[in-house]
Amino acid sequence: MKLRHSHLLACSGLTALCAVLASLPLPDSAWPAAYFEDGYLGLSQAELRAKLGPPEAVRDRKAALRVFNYYSFQDWENYYKKLISPENGEDVYSFKRDKINVRYSFGYVPDLSENTEFPTLYVRLVDVEFTPAVPIEQIPALVPEFRPPSEANAATFRSSLWVLVFKGPPSPDARFIIRERGKERLDWTLAFQMFSLQGLPEFLTTKALIDRMEISAQSIQMVRERQRLTHEPILNPFSKEFAERQPPPPPPSKKIPVPKYAE
């Protein structure tokens, strides 16, 4: 640990004491920390790469579509990083877990307060893809950063294509990685949004197949106040109460009327 210059002057007559102080480990709070328990959101790009190593590839997205160009890490650093805005590059890491290909892609937001060509980038989104698709119940075993809540009333929502689960208290610091207008007026909480390309059944079970999951910071208040038409509240699928639900009875079959003919 390096001491500031003023501290060195003050300790000039206490060399031995300064040496002891300099050798003491820093408390946990002095090291960089993510905003939430996932361990990623809010880390700088340098901190993420120190944690996971250099990415195996970097990708950039074409417009708003899920269509990407992939580059080797060396090509990105040597050429494409200067050609494409650095914040558009997502660091990619792949793992093989339980015979499933699990690919992490980290999206960033720049610190615009830095007056430099390459401002510091901070993790704002983690996109986790599964090949092949996996049932909801298997995701915690494949993504160790995902420790879902067990309470039935944990804030959870769904549509025909995704399930959104919130966990833990909001973080005031997380506003920094949010791009939403008026973000200062809202609280931002750790969110896990699981997507199904083939669509989710009306009666949802933990056997439903999921293709990818996004780890991000979202606002429960925004969902409840502005997105009620698209976000249906449901029981937390990782709760005991959800597993105990009974499927609804099948709709009664309609009898086809038999025509009567005059004799």
C-alpha atoms as a PDB file:
ATOM      1  CA  MET A   1       0.000   0.000   0.000  1.00  0.00           C
ATOM      2  CA  LYS A   2       1.469   3.354  -1.044  1.00  0.00           C
ATOM      3  CA  LEU A   3       1.217   6.216   1.443  1.00  0.00           C
ATOM      4  CA  ARG A   4       0.492   9.751   0.308  1.00  0.00           C
ATOM      5  CA  HIS A   5       3.373  12.237   0.160  1.00  0.00           C
ATOM      6  CA  SER A   6       2.080  14.201   3.174  1.00  0.00           C
ATOM      7  CA  HIS A   7       1.916  11.008   5.185  1.00  0.00           C
ATOM      8  CA  LEU A   8       5.511  10.186   4.282  1.00  0.00           C
ATOM      9  CA  LEU A   9       6.674  13.566   5.543  1.00  0.00           C
ATOM     10  CA  ALA A  10       4.789  13.139   8.800  1.00  0.00           C
ATOM     11  CA  CYS A  11       6.375   9.735   9.296  1.00  0.00           C
ATOM     12  CA  SER A  12       9.926  10.771   8.433  1.00  0.00           C
ATOM     13  CA  GLY A  13      11.016  10.320  12.051  1.00  0.00           C
ATOM     14  CA  LEU A  14       9.057   7.110  12.510  1.00  0.00           C
ATOM     15  CA  THR A  15      10.424   4.888   9.773  1.00  0.00           C
ATOM     16  CA  ALA A  16       9.783   1.640  11.582  1.00  0.00           C
ATOM     17  CA  LEU A  17       6.185   2.553  12.412  1.00  0.00           C
ATOM     18  CA  CYS A  18       5.521   3.605   8.829  1.00  0.00           C
ATOM     19  CA  ALA A  19       6.884   0.308   7.553  1.00  0.00           C
ATOM     20  CA  VAL A  20       4.504  -1.597   9.809  1.00  0.00           C
ATOM     21  CA  LEU A  21       1.531   0.508   8.727  1.00  0.00           C
ATOM     22  CA  ALA A  22       2.426   0.084   5.073  1.00  0.00           C
ATOM     23  CA  SER A  23       2.465  -3.699   5.436  1.00  0.00           C
ATOM     24  CA  LEU A  24      -1.046  -3.926   6.895  1.00  0.00           C
ATOM     25  CA  PRO A  25      -3.704  -5.323   4.507  1.00  0.00           C
ATOM     26  CA  LEU A  26      -6.421  -3.012   3.257  1.00  0.00           C
ATOM     27  CA  PRO A  27      -9.922  -3.584   4.649  1.00  0.00           C
ATOM     28  CA  ASP A  28     -12.459  -5.124   2.279  1.00  0.00           C
ATOM     29  CA  SER A  29     -14.208  -1.765   1.859  1.00  0.00           C
ATOM     30  CA  ALA A  30     -11.018  -0.280   0.381  1.00  0.00           C
ATOM     31  CA  TRP A  31     -11.020  -2.659  -2.589  1.00  0.00           C
ATOM     32  CA  PRO A  32     -13.211  -2.074  -5.659  1.00  0.00           C
ATOM     33  CA  ALA A  33     -16.692  -3.487  -5.147  1.00  0.00           C
ATOM     34  CA  ALA A  34     -19.631  -4.156  -7.439  1.00  0.00           C
ATOM     35  CA  TYR A  35     -23.005  -2.597  -6.687  1.00  0.00           C
ATOM     36  CA  PHE A  36     -24.781  -5.902  -6.030  1.00  0.00           C
ATOM     37  CA  GLU A  37     -24.117  -9.498  -5.017  1.00  0.00           C
ATOM     38  CA  ASP A  38     -23.677 -10.607  -8.640  1.00  0.00           C
ATOM     39  CA  GLY A  39     -20.144  -9.215  -8.373  1.00  0.00           C
ATOM     40  CA  TYR A  40     -20.071  -7.604 -11.833  1.00  0.00           C
ATOM     41  CA  LEU A  41     -22.366  -4.587 -12.198  1.00  0.00           C
ATOM     42  CA  GLY A  42     -20.379  -1.423 -11.515  1.00  0.00           C
ATOM     43  CA  LEU A  43     -16.907  -2.903 -11.990  1.00  0.00           C
ATOM     44  CA  SER A  44     -14.589  -1.043 -14.327  1.00  0.00           C
ATOM     45  CA  GLN A  45     -13.426  -2.884 -17.422  1.00  0.00           C
ATOM     46  CA  ALA A  46      -9.932  -3.131 -15.937  1.00  0.00           C
ATOM     47  CA  GLU A  47     -11.327  -4.612 -12.703  1.00  0.00           C
ATOM     48  CA  LEU A  48     -13.430  -7.131 -14.631  1.00  0.00           C
ATOM     49  CA  ARG A  49     -10.459  -8.249 -16.723  1.00  0.00           C
ATOM     50  CA  ALA A  50      -8.322  -8.531 -13.601  1.00  0.00           C
ATOM     51  CA  LYS A  51     -11.023 -10.799 -12.171  1.00  0.00           C
ATOM     52  CA  LEU A  52     -11.710 -12.987 -15.233  1.00  0.00           C
ATOM     53  CA  GLY A  53      -8.615 -12.485 -17.356  1.00  0.00           C
ATOM     54  CA  PRO A  54      -8.549 -11.062 -20.892  1.00  0.00           C
ATOM     55  CA  PRO A  55     -11.693 -11.834 -22.909  1.00  0.00           C
ATOM     56  CA  GLU A  56     -11.566 -14.530 -25.557  1.00  0.00           C
ATOM     57  CA  ALA A  57     -13.332 -12.155 -27.965  1.00  0.00           C
ATOM     58  CA  VAL A  58     -14.999  -8.754 -28.191  1.00  0.00           C
ATOM     59  CA  ARG A  59     -18.271  -8.220 -30.013  1.00  0.00           C
ATOM     60  CA  ASP A  60     -20.246  -5.190 -31.136  1.00  0.00           C
ATOM     61  CA  ARG A  61     -23.949  -5.037 -31.847  1.00  0.00           C
ATOM     62  CA  LYS A  62     -25.535  -3.976 -35.118  1.00  0.00           C
ATOM     63  CA  ALA A  63     -28.095  -1.283 -34.234  1.00  0.00           C
ATOM     64  CA  ALA A  64     -30.664  -2.613 -31.742  1.00  0.00           C
ATOM     65  CA  LEU A  65     -30.759  -6.119 -33.206  1.00  0.00           C
ATOM     66  CA  ARG A  66     -29.198  -9.176 -31.597  1.00  0.00           C
ATOM     67  CA  VAL A  67     -26.760  -9.438 -34.492  1.00  0.00           C
ATOM     68  CA  PHE A  68     -23.084  -9.143 -33.574  1.00  0.00           C
ATOM     69  CA  ASN A  69     -19.661  -8.861 -35.130  1.00  0.00           C
ATOM     70  CA  TYR A  70     -16.991 -10.793 -33.225  1.00  0.00           C
ATOM     71  CA  TYR A  71     -13.320  -9.814 -33.074  1.00  0.00           C
ATOM     72  CA  SER A  72     -10.293 -11.390 -31.465  1.00  0.00           C
ATOM     73  CA  PHE A  73      -9.139  -9.524 -28.377  1.00  0.00           C
ATOM     74  CA  GLN A  74      -5.868  -8.520 -30.050  1.00  0.00           C
ATOM     75  CA  ASP A  75      -7.598  -7.228 -33.190  1.00  0.00           C
ATOM     76  CA  TRP A  76     -10.025  -5.227 -31.050  1.00  0.00           C
ATOM     77  CA  GLU A  77      -7.297  -3.635 -28.961  1.00  0.00           C
ATOM     78  CA  ASN A  78      -4.997  -2.920 -31.913  1.00  0.00           C
ATOM     79  CA  TYR A  79      -7.505  -1.688 -34.486  1.00  0.00           C
ATOM     80  CA  TYR A  80     -11.280  -1.951 -34.036  1.00  0.00           C
ATOM     81  CA  LYS A  81     -11.301  -0.224 -30.650  1.00  0.00           C
ATOM     82  CA  LYS A  82     -10.162   2.958 -32.423  1.00  0.00           C
ATOM     83  CA  LEU A  83     -12.613   2.475 -35.290  1.00  0.00           C
ATOM     84  CA  ILE A  84     -15.676   1.667 -33.161  1.00  0.00           C
ATOM     85  CA  SER A  85     -16.656   3.493 -29.969  1.00  0.00           C
ATOM     86  CA  PRO A  86     -15.015   1.522 -27.116  1.00  0.00           C
ATOM     87  CA  GLU A  87     -18.271   1.367 -25.116  1.00  0.00           C
ATOM     88  CA  ASN A  88     -19.878  -0.554 -28.001  1.00  0.00           C
ATOM     89  CA  GLY A  89     -17.493  -3.454 -27.488  1.00  0.00           C
ATOM     90  CA  GLU A  90     -18.713  -6.277 -25.233  1.00  0.00           C
ATOM     91  CA  ASP A  91     -16.149  -8.565 -23.594  1.00  0.00           C
ATOM     92  CA  VAL A  92     -16.984 -12.230 -24.230  1.00  0.00           C
ATOM     93  CA  TYR A  93     -16.104 -15.241 -22.042  1.00  0.00           C
ATOM     94  CA  SER A  94     -17.236 -18.843 -22.625  1.00  0.00           C
ATOM     95  CA  PHE A  95     -17.544 -21.764 -20.224  1.00  0.00           C
ATOM     96  CA  LYS A  96     -18.649 -25.401 -20.426  1.00  0.00           C
ATOM     97  CA  ARG A  97     -20.848 -26.325 -17.456  1.00  0.00           C
ATOM     98  CA  ASP A  98     -22.814 -29.573 -17.144  1.00  0.00           C
ATOM     99  CA  LYS A  99     -22.384 -30.109 -20.908  1.00  0.00           C
ATOM    100  CA  ILE A 100     -24.001 -26.722 -21.588  1.00  0.00           C
ATOM    101  CA  ASN A 101     -22.169 -23.916 -23.390  1.00  0.00           C
ATOM    102  CA  VAL A 102     -22.510 -20.810 -21.216  1.00  0.00           C
ATOM    103  CA  ARG A 103     -21.367 -17.548 -22.791  1.00  0.00           C
ATOM    104  CA  TYR A 104     -21.026 -14.305 -20.821  1.00  0.00           C
ATOM    105  CA  SER A 105     -20.957 -10.940 -22.617  1.00  0.00           C
ATOM    106  CA  PHE A 106     -20.322  -7.760 -20.640  1.00  0.00           C
ATOM    107  CA  GLY A 107     -21.765  -4.449 -21.822  1.00  0.00           C
ATOM    108  CA  TYR A 108     -20.305  -1.155 -20.620  1.00  0.00           C
ATOM    109  CA  VAL A 109     -21.169   2.470 -20.004  1.00  0.00           C
ATOM    110  CA  PRO A 110     -18.459   5.176 -20.220  1.00  0.00           C
ATOM    111  CA  ASP A 111     -17.688   7.738 -17.539  1.00  0.00           C
ATOM    112  CA  LEU A 112     -18.563  10.858 -19.536  1.00  0.00           C
ATOM    113  CA  SER A 113     -17.091  13.128 -16.872  1.00  0.00           C
ATOM    114  CA  GLU A 114     -13.624  12.090 -18.030  1.00  0.00           C
ATOM    115  CA  ASN A 115     -12.329  14.408 -20.732  1.00  0.00           C
ATOM    116  CA  THR A 116     -10.394  11.765 -22.642  1.00  0.00           C
ATOM    117  CA  GLU A 117     -10.610   9.809 -25.880  1.00  0.00           C
ATOM    118  CA  PHE A 118     -10.994   6.517 -24.030  1.00  0.00           C
ATOM    119  CA  PRO A 119     -12.941   7.140 -20.790  1.00  0.00           C
ATOM    120  CA  THR A 120     -13.173   4.470 -18.108  1.00  0.00           C
ATOM    121  CA  LEU A 121     -15.821   1.856 -18.891  1.00  0.00           C
ATOM    122  CA  TYR A 122     -18.066   0.288 -16.233  1.00  0.00           C
ATOM    123  CA  VAL A 123     -20.139  -2.908 -16.449  1.00  0.00           C
ATOM    124  CA  ARG A 124     -23.833  -2.088 -16.914  1.00  0.00           C
ATOM    125  CA  LEU A 125     -25.141  -5.396 -18.321  1.00  0.00           C
ATOM    126  CA  VAL A 126     -24.208  -9.081 -18.235  1.00  0.00           C
ATOM    127  CA  ASP A 127     -25.742 -11.166 -21.036  1.00  0.00           C
ATOM    128  CA  VAL A 128     -25.563 -14.922 -20.338  1.00  0.00           C
ATOM    129  CA  GLU A 129     -26.460 -17.253 -23.231  1.00  0.00           C
ATOM    130  CA  PHE A 130     -27.172 -20.992 -23.010  1.00  0.00           C
ATOM    131  CA  THR A 131     -26.583 -23.488 -25.825  1.00  0.00           C
ATOM    132  CA  PRO A 132     -28.744 -25.503 -25.927  1.00  0.00           C
ATOM    133  CA  ALA A 133     -31.618 -23.839 -24.066  1.00  0.00           C
ATOM    134  CA  VAL A 134     -32.040 -24.951 -20.443  1.00  0.00           C
ATOM    135  CA  PRO A 135     -35.000 -25.198 -18.032  1.00  0.00           C
ATOM    136  CA  ILE A 136     -35.465 -22.374 -15.545  1.00  0.00           C
ATOM    137  CA  GLU A 137     -34.703 -24.697 -12.630  1.00  0.00           C
ATOM    138  CA  GLN A 138     -31.206 -25.451 -13.989  1.00  0.00           C
ATOM    139  CA  ILE A 139     -29.997 -21.849 -14.300  1.00  0.00           C
ATOM    140  CA  PRO A 140     -28.692 -21.409 -10.703  1.00  0.00           C
ATOM    141  CA  ALA A 141     -26.398 -24.416 -11.228  1.00  0.00           C
ATOM    142  CA  LEU A 142     -25.061 -22.986 -14.494  1.00  0.00           C
ATOM    143  CA  VAL A 143     -24.651 -19.374 -13.355  1.00  0.00           C
ATOM    144  CA  PRO A 144     -23.040 -19.251  -9.883  1.00  0.00           C
ATOM    145  CA  GLU A 145     -23.597 -15.482  -9.740  1.00  0.00           C
ATOM    146  CA  PHE A 146     -27.349 -16.149  -9.810  1.00  0.00           C
ATOM    147  CA  ARG A 147     -28.616 -16.904  -6.318  1.00  0.00           C
ATOM    148  CA  PRO A 148     -32.366 -16.386  -6.729  1.00  0.00           C
ATOM    149  CA  PRO A 149     -34.594 -15.326  -3.855  1.00  0.00           C
ATOM    150  CA  SER A 150     -36.690 -18.055  -2.259  1.00  0.00           C
ATOM    151  CA  GLU A 151     -39.547 -15.877  -1.001  1.00  0.00           C
ATOM    152  CA  ALA A 152     -42.811 -16.357  -2.876  1.00  0.00           C
ATOM    153  CA  ASN A 153     -43.522 -12.615  -2.832  1.00  0.00           C
ATOM    154  CA  ALA A 154     -40.132 -11.539  -4.232  1.00  0.00           C
ATOM    155  CA  ALA A 155     -40.812  -8.991  -6.979  1.00  0.00           C
ATOM    156  CA  THR A 156     -41.296 -11.131 -10.091  1.00  0.00           C
ATOM    157  CA  PHE A 157     -42.945 -10.419 -13.436  1.00  0.00           C
ATOM    158  CA  ARG A 158     -43.478 -12.192 -16.729  1.00  0.00           C
ATOM    159  CA  SER A 159     -44.563 -11.797 -20.322  1.00  0.00           C
ATOM    160  CA  SER A 160     -44.984 -14.373 -23.055  1.00  0.00           C
ATOM    161  CA  LEU A 161     -41.225 -14.251 -23.737  1.00  0.00           C
ATOM    162  CA  TRP A 162     -39.442 -13.636 -20.425  1.00  0.00           C
ATOM    163  CA  VAL A 163     -39.429 -13.863 -16.630  1.00  0.00           C
ATOM    164  CA  LEU A 164     -38.022 -10.984 -14.565  1.00  0.00           C
ATOM    165  CA  VAL A 165     -36.856 -11.592 -10.973  1.00  0.00           C
ATOM    166  CA  PHE A 166     -35.613  -8.852  -8.635  1.00  0.00           C
ATOM    167  CA  LYS A 167     -33.396  -9.507  -5.635  1.00  0.00           C
ATOM    168  CA  GLY A 168     -32.092  -7.513  -2.695  1.00  0.00           C
ATOM    169  CA  PRO A 169     -32.226  -3.828  -1.780  1.00  0.00           C
ATOM    170  CA  PRO A 170     -31.642  -1.025  -4.303  1.00  0.00           C
ATOM    171  CA  SER A 171     -28.242   0.615  -4.659  1.00  0.00           C
ATOM    172  CA  PRO A 172     -28.017   4.422  -4.986  1.00  0.00           C
ATOM    173  CA  ASP A 173     -24.653   4.003  -6.724  1.00  0.00           C
ATOM    174  CA  ALA A 174     -26.256   1.926  -9.481  1.00  0.00           C
ATOM    175  CA  ARG A 175     -27.772   5.057 -11.029  1.00  0.00           C
ATOM    176  CA  PHE A 176     -24.355   5.665 -12.578  1.00  0.00           C
ATOM    177  CA  ILE A 177     -24.734   2.740 -15.012  1.00  0.00           C
ATOM    178  CA  ILE A 178     -28.371   3.532 -15.930  1.00  0.00           C
ATOM    179  CA  ARG A 179     -29.190   5.259 -19.216  1.00  0.00           C
ATOM    180  CA  GLU A 180     -32.864   5.939 -18.432  1.00  0.00           C
ATOM    181  CA  ARG A 181     -34.077   9.539 -18.264  1.00  0.00           C
ATOM    182  CA  GLY A 182     -35.082  10.634 -14.781  1.00  0.00           C
ATOM    183  CA  LYS A 183     -33.003   7.855 -13.237  1.00  0.00           C
ATOM    184  CA  GLU A 184     -32.278  10.029 -10.176  1.00  0.00           C
ATOM    185  CA  ARG A 185     -35.946   9.833  -9.133  1.00  0.00           C
ATOM    186  CA  LEU A 186     -36.016   6.027  -9.071  1.00  0.00           C
ATOM    187  CA  ASP A 187     -34.399   3.224  -7.089  1.00  0.00           C
ATOM    188  CA  TRP A 188     -32.426   0.590  -9.001  1.00  0.00           C
ATOM    189  CA  THR A 189     -32.284  -3.043  -7.921  1.00  0.00           C
ATOM    190  CA  LEU A 190     -30.444  -6.161  -9.074  1.00  0.00           C
ATOM    191  CA  ALA A 191     -32.560  -7.879 -11.741  1.00  0.00           C
ATOM    192  CA  PHE A 192     -32.350 -11.218 -13.552  1.00  0.00           C
ATOM    193  CA  GLN A 193     -34.373 -11.366 -16.775  1.00  0.00           C
ATOM    194  CA  MET A 194     -34.662 -14.785 -18.440  1.00  0.00           C
ATOM    195  CA  PHE A 195     -35.680 -14.950 -22.117  1.00  0.00           C
ATOM    196  CA  SER A 196     -37.228 -17.765 -24.137  1.00  0.00           C
ATOM    197  CA  LEU A 197     -36.986 -17.594 -27.925  1.00  0.00           C
ATOM    198  CA  GLN A 198     -39.788 -20.105 -28.392  1.00  0.00           C
ATOM    199  CA  GLY A 199     -42.069 -18.350 -25.911  1.00  0.00           C
ATOM    200  CA  LEU A 200     -43.282 -19.307 -22.452  1.00  0.00           C
ATOM    201  CA  PRO A 201     -46.404 -21.378 -21.760  1.00  0.00           C
ATOM    202  CA  GLU A 202     -49.397 -19.681 -20.190  1.00  0.00           C
ATOM    203  CA  PHE A 203     -49.082 -21.975 -17.165  1.00  0.00           C
ATOM    204  CA  LEU A 204     -45.443 -21.378 -16.346  1.00  0.00           C
ATOM    205  CA  THR A 205     -43.329 -24.103 -14.740  1.00  0.00           C
ATOM    206  CA  THR A 206     -39.626 -24.383 -13.959  1.00  0.00           C
ATOM    207  CA  LYS A 207     -39.336 -26.792 -16.901  1.00  0.00           C
ATOM    208  CA  ALA A 208     -39.824 -23.920 -19.364  1.00  0.00           C
ATOM    209  CA  LEU A 209     -36.769 -23.501 -21.586  1.00  0.00           C
ATOM    210  CA  ILE A 210     -34.595 -20.381 -21.366  1.00  0.00           C
ATOM    211  CA  ASP A 211     -32.085 -19.308 -24.029  1.00  0.00           C
ATOM    212  CA  ARG A 212     -30.405 -16.424 -22.237  1.00  0.00           C
ATOM    213  CA  MET A 213     -30.451 -14.298 -19.097  1.00  0.00           C
ATOM    214  CA  GLU A 214     -29.613 -10.634 -18.575  1.00  0.00           C
ATOM    215  CA  ILE A 215     -28.158  -9.420 -15.274  1.00  0.00           C
ATOM    216  CA  SER A 216     -28.791  -5.700 -14.874  1.00  0.00           C
ATOM    217  CA  ALA A 217     -30.130  -2.987 -12.592  1.00  0.00           C
ATOM    218  CA  GLN A 218     -33.827  -2.249 -13.105  1.00  0.00           C
ATOM    219  CA  SER A 219     -36.458  -0.267 -11.234  1.00  0.00           C
ATOM    220  CA  ILE A 220     -39.348  -2.079  -9.530  1.00  0.00           C
ATOM    221  CA  GLN A 221     -41.132   1.266  -9.248  1.00  0.00           C
ATOM    222  CA  MET A 222     -40.893   1.828 -13.006  1.00  0.00           C
ATOM    223  CA  VAL A 223     -42.255  -1.645 -13.718  1.00  0.00           C
ATOM    224  CA  ARG A 224     -45.247  -1.188 -11.419  1.00  0.00           C
ATOM    225  CA  GLU A 225     -46.086   2.352 -12.495  1.00  0.00           C
ATOM    226  CA  ARG A 226     -45.213   2.521 -16.194  1.00  0.00           C
ATOM    227  CA  GLN A 227     -45.019  -1.043 -17.493  1.00  0.00           C
ATOM    228  CA  ARG A 228     -48.089  -2.677 -15.979  1.00  0.00           C
ATOM    229  CA  LEU A 229     -49.482  -3.648 -19.377  1.00  0.00           C
ATOM    230  CA  THR A 230     -46.389  -5.641 -20.336  1.00  0.00           C
ATOM    231  CA  HIS A 231     -45.208  -6.928 -16.937  1.00  0.00           C
ATOM    232  CA  GLU A 232     -47.597  -9.390 -15.264  1.00  0.00           C
ATOM    233  CA  PRO A 233     -46.869  -9.967 -11.534  1.00  0.00           C
ATOM    234  CA  ILE A 234     -46.398 -13.656 -10.652  1.00  0.00           C
ATOM    235  CA  LEU A 235     -45.109 -15.841  -7.832  1.00  0.00           C
ATOM    236  CA  ASN A 236     -41.352 -16.211  -7.670  1.00  0.00           C
ATOM    237  CA  PRO A 237     -40.618 -19.385  -9.723  1.00  0.00           C
ATOM    238  CA  PHE A 238     -37.800 -20.294  -7.314  1.00  0.00           C
ATOM    239  CA  SER A 239     -40.138 -20.447  -4.302  1.00  0.00           C
ATOM    240  CA  LYS A 240     -41.743 -23.506  -2.729  1.00  0.00           C
ATOM    241  CA  GLU A 241     -45.189 -22.008  -3.237  1.00  0.00           C
ATOM    242  CA  PHE A 242     -44.629 -21.754  -6.988  1.00  0.00           C
ATOM    243  CA  ALA A 243     -43.731 -25.444  -7.202  1.00  0.00           C
ATOM    244  CA  GLU A 244     -46.898 -26.401  -5.296  1.00  0.00           C
ATOM    245  CA  ARG A 245     -49.286 -24.769  -7.767  1.00  0.00           C
ATOM    246  CA  GLN A 246     -51.729 -26.982  -9.610  1.00  0.00           C
ATOM    247  CA  PRO A 247     -52.326 -26.555 -13.331  1.00  0.00           C
ATOM    248  CA  PRO A 248     -55.748 -25.177 -14.212  1.00  0.00           C
ATOM    249  CA  PRO A 249     -58.350 -27.702 -15.367  1.00  0.00           C
ATOM    250  CA  PRO A 250     -58.668 -28.050 -19.130  1.00  0.00           C
ATOM    251  CA  PRO A 251     -61.452 -25.988 -20.670  1.00  0.00           C
ATOM    252  CA  PRO A 252     -64.687 -27.917 -21.173  1.00  0.00           C
ATOM    253  CA  SER A 253     -64.980 -29.397 -24.612  1.00  0.00           C
ATOM    254  CA  LYS A 254     -67.686 -27.934 -26.782  1.00  0.00           C
ATOM    255  CA  LYS A 255     -70.107 -30.385 -28.299  1.00  0.00           C
ATOM    256  CA  ILE A 256     -70.582 -30.107 -32.009  1.00  0.00           C
ATOM    257  CA  PRO A 257     -74.299 -29.727 -32.663  1.00  0.00           C
ATOM    258  CA  VAL A 258     -75.808 -32.511 -34.714  1.00  0.00           C
ATOM    259  CA  PRO A 259     -78.015 -31.152 -37.477  1.00  0.00           C
ATOM    260  CA  LYS A 260     -81.596 -32.321 -37.544  1.00  0.00           C
ATOM    261  CA  TYR A 261     -83.284 -32.899 -40.848  1.00  0.00           C
ATOM    262  CA  ALA A 262     -86.978 -32.802 -41.542  1.00  0.00           C
ATOM    263  CA  GLU A 263     -88.382 -36.167 -42.483  1.00  0.00           C
END
